C-alpha atoms as a PDB file:
ATOM      1  CA  UNK A   1     -38.617 -85.543   2.879  1.00  0.00           C
ATOM      2  CA  UNK A   2     -36.964 -88.971   2.489  1.00  0.00           C
ATOM      3  CA  UNK A   3     -35.091 -91.138   5.174  1.00  0.00           C
ATOM      4  CA  UNK A   4     -31.773 -91.246   3.511  1.00  0.00           C
ATOM      5  CA  UNK A   5     -32.041 -87.200   2.984  1.00  0.00           C
ATOM      6  CA  UNK A   6     -32.831 -86.943   6.574  1.00  0.00           C
ATOM      7  CA  UNK A   7     -29.840 -88.766   7.593  1.00  0.00           C
ATOM      8  CA  UNK A   8     -27.559 -87.050   5.219  1.00  0.00           C
ATOM      9  CA  UNK A   9     -28.927 -83.355   6.762  1.00  0.00           C
ATOM     10  CA  UNK A  10     -28.688 -85.077  10.180  1.00  0.00           C
ATOM     11  CA  UNK A  11     -24.911 -86.024   9.494  1.00  0.00           C
ATOM     12  CA  UNK A  12     -23.782 -82.523   7.977  1.00  0.00           C
ATOM     13  CA  UNK A  13     -25.656 -80.595  11.097  1.00  0.00           C
ATOM     14  CA  UNK A  14     -23.202 -83.135  13.195  1.00  0.00           C
ATOM     15  CA  UNK A  15     -20.287 -82.778  11.691  1.00  0.00           C
ATOM     16  CA  UNK A  16     -21.126 -79.015  11.696  1.00  0.00           C
ATOM     17  CA  UNK A  17     -21.809 -78.918  15.400  1.00  0.00           C
ATOM     18  CA  UNK A  18     -18.348 -80.777  16.130  1.00  0.00           C
ATOM     19  CA  UNK A  19     -16.314 -78.346  14.085  1.00  0.00           C
ATOM     20  CA  UNK A  20     -18.192 -75.320  15.418  1.00  0.00           C
ATOM     21  CA  UNK A  21     -16.999 -76.414  19.109  1.00  0.00           C
ATOM     22  CA  UNK A  22     -13.185 -77.371  18.293  1.00  0.00           C
ATOM     23  CA  UNK A  23     -12.960 -74.157  16.330  1.00  0.00           C
ATOM     24  CA  UNK A  24     -14.294 -72.225  19.287  1.00  0.00           C
ATOM     25  CA  UNK A  25     -11.396 -73.508  21.642  1.00  0.00           C
ATOM     26  CA  UNK A  26      -8.465 -73.422  19.272  1.00  0.00           C
ATOM     27  CA  UNK A  27      -6.235 -71.194  19.450  1.00  0.00           C
ATOM     28  CA  UNK A  28      -6.094 -67.517  19.099  1.00  0.00           C
ATOM     29  CA  UNK A  29      -4.448 -65.835  15.693  1.00  0.00           C
ATOM     30  CA  UNK A  30      -1.233 -64.645  17.401  1.00  0.00           C
ATOM     31  CA  UNK A  31      -0.051 -68.066  18.491  1.00  0.00           C
ATOM     32  CA  UNK A  32       0.814 -71.783  16.438  1.00  0.00           C
ATOM     33  CA  UNK A  33      -1.029 -74.953  17.468  1.00  0.00           C
ATOM     34  CA  UNK A  34      -3.939 -74.726  15.512  1.00  0.00           C
ATOM     35  CA  UNK A  35      -4.458 -78.868  14.921  1.00  0.00           C
ATOM     36  CA  UNK A  36      -3.212 -81.288  17.073  1.00  0.00           C
ATOM     37  CA  UNK A  37      -1.086 -84.044  16.709  1.00  0.00           C
ATOM     38  CA  UNK A  38      -1.014 -87.485  17.055  1.00  0.00           C
ATOM     39  CA  UNK A  39       0.793 -90.062  18.650  1.00  0.00           C
ATOM     40  CA  UNK A  40       2.750 -92.939  16.824  1.00  0.00           C
ATOM     41  CA  UNK A  41       2.205 -96.910  17.992  1.00  0.00           C
ATOM     42  CA  UNK A  42       6.198 -96.947  19.512  1.00  0.00           C
ATOM     43  CA  UNK A  43       8.406 -93.795  18.164  1.00  0.00           C
ATOM     44  CA  UNK A  44       8.248 -91.102  15.326  1.00  0.00           C
ATOM     45  CA  UNK A  45      11.717 -91.304  14.656  1.00  0.00           C
ATOM     46  CA  UNK A  46      12.659 -93.136  11.379  1.00  0.00           C
ATOM     47  CA  UNK A  47      16.275 -94.843  12.048  1.00  0.00           C
ATOM     48  CA  UNK A  48      18.918 -97.399  11.773  1.00  0.00           C
ATOM     49  CA  UNK A  49      16.764 -98.798  14.965  1.00  0.00           C
ATOM     50  CA  UNK A  50      13.346 -98.538  13.688  1.00  0.00           C
ATOM     51  CA  UNK A  51      13.187 -98.218   9.847  1.00  0.00           C
ATOM     52  CA  UNK A  52       9.563 -99.005   9.815  1.00  0.00           C
ATOM     53  CA  UNK A  53       7.436 -96.433  12.091  1.00  0.00           C
ATOM     54  CA  UNK A  54       3.319 -97.276  12.614  1.00  0.00           C
ATOM     55  CA  UNK A  55       0.406 -95.389  13.481  1.00  0.00           C
ATOM     56  CA  UNK A  56      -2.946 -97.000  14.150  1.00  0.00           C
ATOM     57  CA  UNK A  57      -6.504 -95.047  14.819  1.00  0.00           C
ATOM     58  CA  UNK A  58     -10.405 -95.379  14.464  1.00  0.00           C
ATOM     59  CA  UNK A  59     -13.402 -93.685  15.077  1.00  0.00           C
ATOM     60  CA  UNK A  60     -16.888 -93.207  14.351  1.00  0.00           C
ATOM     61  CA  UNK A  61     -17.730 -93.276  10.620  1.00  0.00           C
ATOM     62  CA  UNK A  62     -20.024 -90.107  10.928  1.00  0.00           C
ATOM     63  CA  UNK A  63     -17.398 -88.143  12.155  1.00  0.00           C
ATOM     64  CA  UNK A  64     -14.109 -89.306  10.120  1.00  0.00           C
ATOM     65  CA  UNK A  65     -16.530 -89.280   6.922  1.00  0.00           C
ATOM     66  CA  UNK A  66     -14.881 -86.896   4.012  1.00  0.00           C
ATOM     67  CA  UNK A  67     -12.112 -85.425   6.333  1.00  0.00           C
ATOM     68  CA  UNK A  68     -10.017 -85.073   2.845  1.00  0.00           C
ATOM     69  CA  UNK A  69     -12.170 -84.780   0.002  1.00  0.00           C
ATOM     70  CA  UNK A  70     -16.076 -84.404  -0.952  1.00  0.00           C
ATOM     71  CA  UNK A  71     -17.613 -82.265   2.446  1.00  0.00           C
ATOM     72  CA  UNK A  72     -20.557 -80.229   1.461  1.00  0.00           C
ATOM     73  CA  UNK A  73     -19.294 -78.436   4.607  1.00  0.00           C
ATOM     74  CA  UNK A  74     -15.858 -77.289   3.325  1.00  0.00           C
ATOM     75  CA  UNK A  75     -16.564 -77.035  -0.606  1.00  0.00           C
ATOM     76  CA  UNK A  76     -14.730 -80.183  -1.493  1.00  0.00           C
ATOM     77  CA  UNK A  77     -11.811 -79.372   0.613  1.00  0.00           C
ATOM     78  CA  UNK A  78      -9.630 -81.084   3.851  1.00  0.00           C
ATOM     79  CA  UNK A  79     -10.563 -80.497   7.301  1.00  0.00           C
ATOM     80  CA  UNK A  80      -8.558 -79.837   9.021  1.00  0.00           C
ATOM     81  CA  UNK A  81     -10.022 -80.625  12.284  1.00  0.00           C
ATOM     82  CA  UNK A  82     -11.839 -83.883  11.082  1.00  0.00           C
ATOM     83  CA  UNK A  83      -8.400 -85.813   9.568  1.00  0.00           C
ATOM     84  CA  UNK A  84      -5.515 -86.756  11.750  1.00  0.00           C
ATOM     85  CA  UNK A  85      -1.793 -85.205  11.465  1.00  0.00           C
ATOM     86  CA  UNK A  86       1.363 -87.053  12.491  1.00  0.00           C
ATOM     87  CA  UNK A  87       5.429 -85.665  12.312  1.00  0.00           C
ATOM     88  CA  UNK A  88       8.069 -87.825  12.012  1.00  0.00           C
ATOM     89  CA  UNK A  89      11.839 -87.432  11.877  1.00  0.00           C
ATOM     90  CA  UNK A  90      13.715 -88.847   9.011  1.00  0.00           C
ATOM     91  CA  UNK A  91      17.620 -89.700  10.335  1.00  0.00           C
ATOM     92  CA  UNK A  92      18.316 -91.861   6.984  1.00  0.00           C
ATOM     93  CA  UNK A  93      19.799 -88.883   4.978  1.00  0.00           C
ATOM     94  CA  UNK A  94      18.977 -89.738   1.285  1.00  0.00           C
ATOM     95  CA  UNK A  95      16.990 -93.177   1.558  1.00  0.00           C
ATOM     96  CA  UNK A  96      13.793 -94.243  -0.218  1.00  0.00           C
ATOM     97  CA  UNK A  97      11.319 -93.516   1.970  1.00  0.00           C
ATOM     98  CA  UNK A  98       7.646 -95.079   1.548  1.00  0.00           C
ATOM     99  CA  UNK A  99       3.902 -93.877   3.320  1.00  0.00           C
ATOM    100  CA  UNK A 100       1.394 -95.934   3.126  1.00  0.00           C
ATOM    101  CA  UNK A 101      -1.770 -95.467   4.292  1.00  0.00           C
ATOM    102  CA  UNK A 102      -4.123 -99.105   4.601  1.00  0.00           C
ATOM    103  CA  UNK A 103      -8.208 -98.670   5.692  1.00  0.00           C
ATOM    104  CA  UNK A 104     -10.584-100.946   6.721  1.00  0.00           C
ATOM    105  CA  UNK A 105     -14.298-101.504   4.659  1.00  0.00           C
ATOM    106  CA  UNK A 106     -14.968 -97.674   6.160  1.00  0.00           C
ATOM    107  CA  UNK A 107     -12.577 -95.348   5.571  1.00  0.00           C
ATOM    108  CA  UNK A 108     -11.366 -94.755   2.113  1.00  0.00           C
ATOM    109  CA  UNK A 109      -8.060 -92.680   2.709  1.00  0.00           C
ATOM    110  CA  UNK A 110      -6.215 -89.687   1.379  1.00  0.00           C
ATOM    111  CA  UNK A 111      -2.462 -88.506   2.460  1.00  0.00           C
ATOM    112  CA  UNK A 112      -0.704 -85.055   1.986  1.00  0.00           C
ATOM    113  CA  UNK A 113       3.019 -85.052   3.158  1.00  0.00           C
ATOM    114  CA  UNK A 114       4.786 -81.836   3.729  1.00  0.00           C
ATOM    115  CA  UNK A 115       8.729 -81.428   4.671  1.00  0.00           C
ATOM    116  CA  UNK A 116       8.881 -78.593   7.656  1.00  0.00           C
ATOM    117  CA  UNK A 117      13.213 -79.229   7.351  1.00  0.00           C
ATOM    118  CA  UNK A 118      15.171 -78.862  10.797  1.00  0.00           C
ATOM    119  CA  UNK A 119      11.888 -78.450  12.744  1.00  0.00           C
ATOM    120  CA  UNK A 120       8.712 -80.776  13.759  1.00  0.00           C
ATOM    121  CA  UNK A 121       5.582 -78.802  12.498  1.00  0.00           C
ATOM    122  CA  UNK A 122       4.300 -76.106  14.649  1.00  0.00           C
ATOM    123  CA  UNK A 123       0.537 -76.621  14.264  1.00  0.00           C
ATOM    124  CA  UNK A 124      -0.280 -73.394  11.649  1.00  0.00           C
ATOM    125  CA  UNK A 125      -2.286 -70.654  12.858  1.00  0.00           C
ATOM    126  CA  UNK A 126      -5.970 -70.692  13.246  1.00  0.00           C
ATOM    127  CA  UNK A 127      -7.574 -67.838  11.815  1.00  0.00           C
ATOM    128  CA  UNK A 128      -4.705 -67.077   9.847  1.00  0.00           C
ATOM    129  CA  UNK A 129      -6.561 -66.948   6.649  1.00  0.00           C
ATOM    130  CA  UNK A 130     -10.142 -66.557   5.459  1.00  0.00           C
ATOM    131  CA  UNK A 131     -11.977 -67.046   2.415  1.00  0.00           C
ATOM    132  CA  UNK A 132     -16.266 -66.237   2.043  1.00  0.00           C
ATOM    133  CA  UNK A 133     -18.331 -68.773   3.583  1.00  0.00           C
ATOM    134  CA  UNK A 134     -20.675 -68.981   6.924  1.00  0.00           C
ATOM    135  CA  UNK A 135     -18.574 -69.036   9.751  1.00  0.00           C
ATOM    136  CA  UNK A 136     -16.876 -70.958  10.741  1.00  0.00           C
ATOM    137  CA  UNK A 137     -16.137 -72.882   7.826  1.00  0.00           C
ATOM    138  CA  UNK A 138     -14.187 -69.711   5.796  1.00  0.00           C
ATOM    139  CA  UNK A 139     -11.515 -70.146   8.206  1.00  0.00           C
ATOM    140  CA  UNK A 140      -8.311 -72.508   7.748  1.00  0.00           C
ATOM    141  CA  UNK A 141      -7.649 -75.128   9.372  1.00  0.00           C
ATOM    142  CA  UNK A 142     -11.675 -75.918   9.717  1.00  0.00           C
ATOM    143  CA  UNK A 143     -10.964 -76.376   5.990  1.00  0.00           C
ATOM    144  CA  UNK A 144      -7.825 -75.812   4.348  1.00  0.00           C
ATOM    145  CA  UNK A 145      -6.338 -77.127   0.790  1.00  0.00           C
ATOM    146  CA  UNK A 146      -4.115 -80.224   1.157  1.00  0.00           C
ATOM    147  CA  UNK A 147      -3.141 -80.754  -2.348  1.00  0.00           C
ATOM    148  CA  UNK A 148      -1.571 -77.118  -3.435  1.00  0.00           C
ATOM    149  CA  UNK A 149       1.848 -75.984  -3.024  1.00  0.00           C
ATOM    150  CA  UNK A 150       3.133 -74.791  -0.138  1.00  0.00           C
ATOM    151  CA  UNK A 151       2.020 -70.478  -0.011  1.00  0.00           C
ATOM    152  CA  UNK A 152      -0.877 -71.348  -2.357  1.00  0.00           C
ATOM    153  CA  UNK A 153      -4.434 -69.783  -0.854  1.00  0.00           C
ATOM    154  CA  UNK A 154      -5.100 -72.133   1.925  1.00  0.00           C
ATOM    155  CA  UNK A 155      -1.925 -73.220   3.130  1.00  0.00           C
ATOM    156  CA  UNK A 156      -0.975 -70.292   4.569  1.00  0.00           C
ATOM    157  CA  UNK A 157      -1.999 -71.138   7.664  1.00  0.00           C
ATOM    158  CA  UNK A 158       0.869 -73.670   7.450  1.00  0.00           C
ATOM    159  CA  UNK A 159       3.046 -72.206   5.413  1.00  0.00           C
ATOM    160  CA  UNK A 160       6.377 -70.839   6.007  1.00  0.00           C
ATOM    161  CA  UNK A 161       6.903 -67.488   6.987  1.00  0.00           C
ATOM    162  CA  UNK A 162       2.709 -67.099   7.047  1.00  0.00           C
ATOM    163  CA  UNK A 163       1.036 -68.943   9.610  1.00  0.00           C
ATOM    164  CA  UNK A 164       3.235 -71.950   9.945  1.00  0.00           C
ATOM    165  CA  UNK A 165       6.672 -73.563   9.342  1.00  0.00           C
ATOM    166  CA  UNK A 166       5.926 -76.064   6.369  1.00  0.00           C
ATOM    167  CA  UNK A 167       8.721 -75.692   3.809  1.00  0.00           C
ATOM    168  CA  UNK A 168       7.410 -77.939   1.005  1.00  0.00           C
ATOM    169  CA  UNK A 169       4.421 -79.629  -0.097  1.00  0.00           C
ATOM    170  CA  UNK A 170       6.143 -82.900  -1.337  1.00  0.00           C
ATOM    171  CA  UNK A 171       2.996 -85.288  -2.819  1.00  0.00           C
ATOM    172  CA  UNK A 172      -0.726 -86.520  -2.074  1.00  0.00           C
ATOM    173  CA  UNK A 173      -2.763 -89.514  -2.860  1.00  0.00           C
ATOM    174  CA  UNK A 174      -5.953 -90.022  -2.961  1.00  0.00           C
ATOM    175  CA  UNK A 175      -8.052 -93.185  -3.461  1.00  0.00           C
ATOM    176  CA  UNK A 176     -11.603 -91.538  -3.223  1.00  0.00           C
ATOM    177  CA  UNK A 177     -13.533 -90.786  -6.417  1.00  0.00           C
ATOM    178  CA  UNK A 178     -11.930 -87.109  -6.867  1.00  0.00           C
ATOM    179  CA  UNK A 179     -10.768 -85.580 -10.026  1.00  0.00           C
ATOM    180  CA  UNK A 180     -14.665 -84.698 -11.009  1.00  0.00           C
ATOM    181  CA  UNK A 181     -15.437 -81.327 -12.143  1.00  0.00           C
ATOM    182  CA  UNK A 182     -16.579 -80.310  -8.784  1.00  0.00           C
ATOM    183  CA  UNK A 183     -12.919 -80.966  -7.529  1.00  0.00           C
ATOM    184  CA  UNK A 184     -11.706 -78.545  -9.571  1.00  0.00           C
ATOM    185  CA  UNK A 185     -12.007 -74.779  -9.405  1.00  0.00           C
ATOM    186  CA  UNK A 186     -13.925 -72.861  -8.976  1.00  0.00           C
ATOM    187  CA  UNK A 187     -16.225 -75.860  -6.979  1.00  0.00           C
ATOM    188  CA  UNK A 188     -13.152 -76.389  -4.310  1.00  0.00           C
ATOM    189  CA  UNK A 189     -13.275 -73.601  -1.034  1.00  0.00           C
ATOM    190  CA  UNK A 190      -9.652 -72.802  -2.030  1.00  0.00           C
ATOM    191  CA  UNK A 191      -9.362 -72.768  -5.619  1.00  0.00           C
ATOM    192  CA  UNK A 192      -6.926 -76.128  -5.448  1.00  0.00           C
ATOM    193  CA  UNK A 193      -7.724 -79.466  -7.806  1.00  0.00           C
ATOM    194  CA  UNK A 194      -8.022 -82.870  -6.636  1.00  0.00           C
ATOM    195  CA  UNK A 195      -6.988 -85.421  -8.119  1.00  0.00           C
ATOM    196  CA  UNK A 196      -7.601 -89.461  -7.793  1.00  0.00           C
ATOM    197  CA  UNK A 197      -4.003 -91.817  -7.447  1.00  0.00           C
ATOM    198  CA  UNK A 198      -1.228 -90.227  -6.159  1.00  0.00           C
ATOM    199  CA  UNK A 199       0.892 -86.982  -7.285  1.00  0.00           C
ATOM    200  CA  UNK A 200       4.373 -84.932  -7.273  1.00  0.00           C
ATOM    201  CA  UNK A 201       3.783 -81.885  -5.811  1.00  0.00           C
ATOM    202  CA  UNK A 202       6.685 -80.932  -5.169  1.00  0.00           C
ATOM    203  CA  UNK A 203       8.637 -77.519  -6.625  1.00  0.00           C
ATOM    204  CA  UNK A 204      12.575 -78.192  -5.498  1.00  0.00           C
ATOM    205  CA  UNK A 205      14.747 -81.208  -5.313  1.00  0.00           C
ATOM    206  CA  UNK A 206      15.547 -79.894  -1.887  1.00  0.00           C
ATOM    207  CA  UNK A 207      13.972 -82.816   0.439  1.00  0.00           C
ATOM    208  CA  UNK A 208      13.382 -85.582  -2.432  1.00  0.00           C
ATOM    209  CA  UNK A 209      14.195 -86.261  -5.843  1.00  0.00           C
ATOM    210  CA  UNK A 210      10.963 -87.652  -7.157  1.00  0.00           C
ATOM    211  CA  UNK A 211       7.416 -88.817  -5.570  1.00  0.00           C
ATOM    212  CA  UNK A 212       5.677 -91.561  -7.007  1.00  0.00           C
ATOM    213  CA  UNK A 213       2.931 -93.738  -5.721  1.00  0.00           C
ATOM    214  CA  UNK A 214      -0.153 -95.812  -5.944  1.00  0.00           C
ATOM    215  CA  UNK A 215      -3.890 -95.907  -4.978  1.00  0.00           C
ATOM    216  CA  UNK A 216      -6.058 -99.160  -4.555  1.00  0.00           C
ATOM    217  CA  UNK A 217      -9.793 -98.345  -4.227  1.00  0.00           C
ATOM    218  CA  UNK A 218     -10.011-102.646  -3.580  1.00  0.00           C
ATOM    219  CA  UNK A 219      -8.001-102.437  -0.431  1.00  0.00           C
ATOM    220  CA  UNK A 220      -8.577 -98.889   0.370  1.00  0.00           C
ATOM    221  CA  UNK A 221      -4.758 -98.363   0.053  1.00  0.00           C
ATOM    222  CA  UNK A 222      -2.975 -95.343  -0.408  1.00  0.00           C
ATOM    223  CA  UNK A 223       1.143 -95.335  -1.459  1.00  0.00           C
ATOM    224  CA  UNK A 224       3.674 -92.355  -1.652  1.00  0.00           C
ATOM    225  CA  UNK A 225       7.650 -93.338  -2.550  1.00  0.00           C
ATOM    226  CA  UNK A 226      10.001 -91.053  -1.548  1.00  0.00           C
ATOM    227  CA  UNK A 227      13.165 -91.052  -3.746  1.00  0.00           C
ATOM    228  CA  UNK A 228      16.146 -89.926  -1.665  1.00  0.00           C
ATOM    229  CA  UNK A 229      14.377 -88.643   1.290  1.00  0.00           C
ATOM    230  CA  UNK A 230      16.649 -86.036   3.243  1.00  0.00           C
ATOM    231  CA  UNK A 231      16.849 -86.494   6.304  1.00  0.00           C
ATOM    232  CA  UNK A 232      14.626 -83.998   8.478  1.00  0.00           C
ATOM    233  CA  UNK A 233      10.967 -83.098   9.500  1.00  0.00           C
ATOM    234  CA  UNK A 234       8.157 -84.324   7.700  1.00  0.00           C
ATOM    235  CA  UNK A 235       4.238 -83.893   8.183  1.00  0.00           C
ATOM    236  CA  UNK A 236       1.245 -85.823   7.112  1.00  0.00           C
ATOM    237  CA  UNK A 237      -2.402 -85.850   7.003  1.00  0.00           C
ATOM    238  CA  UNK A 238      -4.775 -88.228   6.944  1.00  0.00           C
ATOM    239  CA  UNK A 239      -8.580 -88.190   6.375  1.00  0.00           C
ATOM    240  CA  UNK A 240     -11.125 -89.745   4.076  1.00  0.00           C
ATOM    241  CA  UNK A 241     -12.076 -89.203   0.440  1.00  0.00           C
ATOM    242  CA  UNK A 242     -14.836 -91.287   0.102  1.00  0.00           C
ATOM    243  CA  UNK A 243     -18.032 -90.564  -2.084  1.00  0.00           C
ATOM    244  CA  UNK A 244     -21.226 -88.628  -0.875  1.00  0.00           C
ATOM    245  CA  UNK A 245     -23.220 -91.626  -1.392  1.00  0.00           C
ATOM    246  CA  UNK A 246     -21.125 -93.813   1.103  1.00  0.00           C
ATOM    247  CA  UNK A 247     -22.353 -95.415   4.590  1.00  0.00           C
ATOM    248  CA  UNK A 248     -22.782 -92.671   7.318  1.00  0.00           C
ATOM    249  CA  UNK A 249     -22.035 -95.389  10.247  1.00  0.00           C
ATOM    250  CA  UNK A 250     -19.823 -97.744  11.039  1.00  0.00           C
ATOM    251  CA  UNK A 251     -16.015 -97.951  12.540  1.00  0.00           C
ATOM    252  CA  UNK A 252     -13.580 -96.245  10.729  1.00  0.00           C
ATOM    253  CA  UNK A 253      -9.896 -97.691  10.879  1.00  0.00           C
ATOM    254  CA  UNK A 254      -6.450 -97.307   9.322  1.00  0.00           C
ATOM    255  CA  UNK A 255      -2.806 -98.023   9.724  1.00  0.00           C
ATOM    256  CA  UNK A 256      -0.440 -95.733   8.546  1.00  0.00           C
ATOM    257  CA  UNK A 257       3.189 -96.938   8.244  1.00  0.00           C
ATOM    258  CA  UNK A 258       6.387 -95.067   7.439  1.00  0.00           C
ATOM    259  CA  UNK A 259       9.400 -97.534   6.179  1.00  0.00           C
ATOM    260  CA  UNK A 260      12.504 -96.612   5.121  1.00  0.00           C
ATOM    261  CA  UNK A 261      13.959 -98.524   2.150  1.00  0.00           C
ATOM    262  CA  UNK A 262      17.817 -98.718   1.451  1.00  0.00           C
ATOM    263  CA  UNK A 263      19.280 -98.007  -2.294  1.00  0.00           C
ATOM    264  CA  UNK A 264      20.398-100.465  -4.606  1.00  0.00           C
ATOM    265  CA  UNK A 265      23.623 -99.464  -4.167  1.00  0.00           C
ATOM    266  CA  UNK A 266      23.358 -99.673  -0.550  1.00  0.00           C
ATOM    267  CA  UNK A 267      22.166-103.423  -0.409  1.00  0.00           C
ATOM    268  CA  UNK A 268      25.165-103.854  -3.032  1.00  0.00           C
ATOM    269  CA  UNK A 269      27.694-102.270  -0.443  1.00  0.00           C
ATOM    270  CA  UNK A 270      25.971-104.303   2.282  1.00  0.00           C
ATOM    271  CA  UNK A 271      26.116-107.918   0.358  1.00  0.00           C
ATOM    272  CA  UNK A 272      30.276-106.594  -0.314  1.00  0.00           C
ATOM    273  CA  UNK A 273      31.141-106.121   3.407  1.00  0.00           C
ATOM    274  CA  UNK A 274      29.104-109.399   4.275  1.00  0.00           C
ATOM    275  CA  UNK A 275      31.148-111.296   1.490  1.00  0.00           C
ATOM    276  CA  UNK A 276      33.938-109.626   2.589  1.00  0.00           C
ATOM    277  CA  UNK A 277      33.906-110.592   6.279  1.00  0.00           C
ATOM    278  CA  UNK A 278      32.937-114.081   5.274  1.00  0.00           C
ATOM    279  CA  UNK A 279      35.769-114.472   3.075  1.00  0.00           C
ATOM    280  CA  UNK A 280      38.021-113.452   5.666  1.00  0.00           C
ATOM    281  CA  UNK A 281      36.475-116.149   8.595  1.00  0.00           C
ATOM    282  CA  UNK A 282      36.827-119.156   5.859  1.00  0.00           C
ATOM    283  CA  UNK A 283      40.250-118.539   5.832  1.00  0.00           C
ATOM    284  CA  UNK A 284      41.067-117.709   9.278  1.00  0.00           C
ATOM    285  CA  UNK A 285      41.056-121.499  10.320  1.00  0.00           C
ATOM    286  CA  UNK A 286      43.378-122.506   7.653  1.00  0.00           C
ATOM    287  CA  UNK A 287      46.081-119.879   8.184  1.00  0.00           C
ATOM    288  CA  UNK A 288      45.956-121.080  11.795  1.00  0.00           C
ATOM    289  CA  UNK A 289      45.969-124.549  11.069  1.00  0.00           C
ATOM    290  CA  UNK A 290      48.967-123.829   8.615  1.00  0.00           C
ATOM    291  CA  UNK A 291      51.123-121.817  10.830  1.00  0.00           C
ATOM    292  CA  UNK A 292      54.211-123.569  12.462  1.00  0.00           C
ATOM    293  CA  UNK A 293      54.615-123.362  15.937  1.00  0.00           C
ATOM    294  CA  UNK A 294      58.137-121.621  17.180  1.00  0.00           C
END
C-alpha cells in the first residue's frame, strides 16, 4: 500500500472511531440535544447594540476535514458531530442580514442556515432517523442532509413535528468542489443534492423574502445574504467542503460573522432625521440672538 493510501485509510479509521465514540455518548431517542451548540465571542443576539456578532474556532485539520461534504464515511453527506453548530436571535425585524464564514488555508467552508421561529434550536434527536449502512453512520445526525428542505430525508431528526424544532431551511453555501455526480442522488447518503455556490432553498417568505450570496475559493469565503430577515431564532451549521485530495494535517480555523445591514429606506429616514436635527440646531442660536428682551 502506498504512503498516501495508508495515510488516507488511517485518517478514515480515526474519524470513524471518534464519531462512534460521540454517538455512543449522545442522547437517547426520546430526548432533544443530539448536537452541541457552540459559543459566540460575546453574544448571540443581533440587535441595535450588537449589529455584528462573531464566532471563531479552530481544530486539527484531520478532525474537521470533510465535515460538510466529500466524506467517504457519510457517503458525501454532512457529519453532524464534526461540524460546528451555532444559534442566534435576530431582534431587528425585516433587516437585511449577511452571514459569512472566512476560513484559513486549511478550512474550505460550507454553511447552512435554518429558522426555528420563536424558540432556539433544541439540538434535534439522535437515532430518530436512520438509513442503510454500517453502524453508526446510518443514524442522523452522525450523517445528515444539510442542503435539503426541512422534512426531507436526513432532516427529520431536527424538523419541527419530528425530531426537533427546525421550521424551515433557508439557504446554503459551498466553497469546495461539490456539484459533481457524486454529490447528487444516488451518491449521497440521504438523496440530497449538494451544489457549489450560494443557494436559496427556502419554500416560503415567512422568514425572508430572498436569499443570495457568493463563495470564493481563493479566500475560502462563503457568504449568504438574507433580505428582510424576520425577528426570531436561527441556526447555522459550519463545516469543511474540501476535496478528497486535500491535505490531512495542519490547523483549521475560521471566523463566522453575522451582520445586520439597514435597508436603503432606513438609511434615508436616518439621514432625514439627522438633517432635521442639524437644521434646528443651526437656526436655534439665530432665534435666540434676535429675541428682544422683555
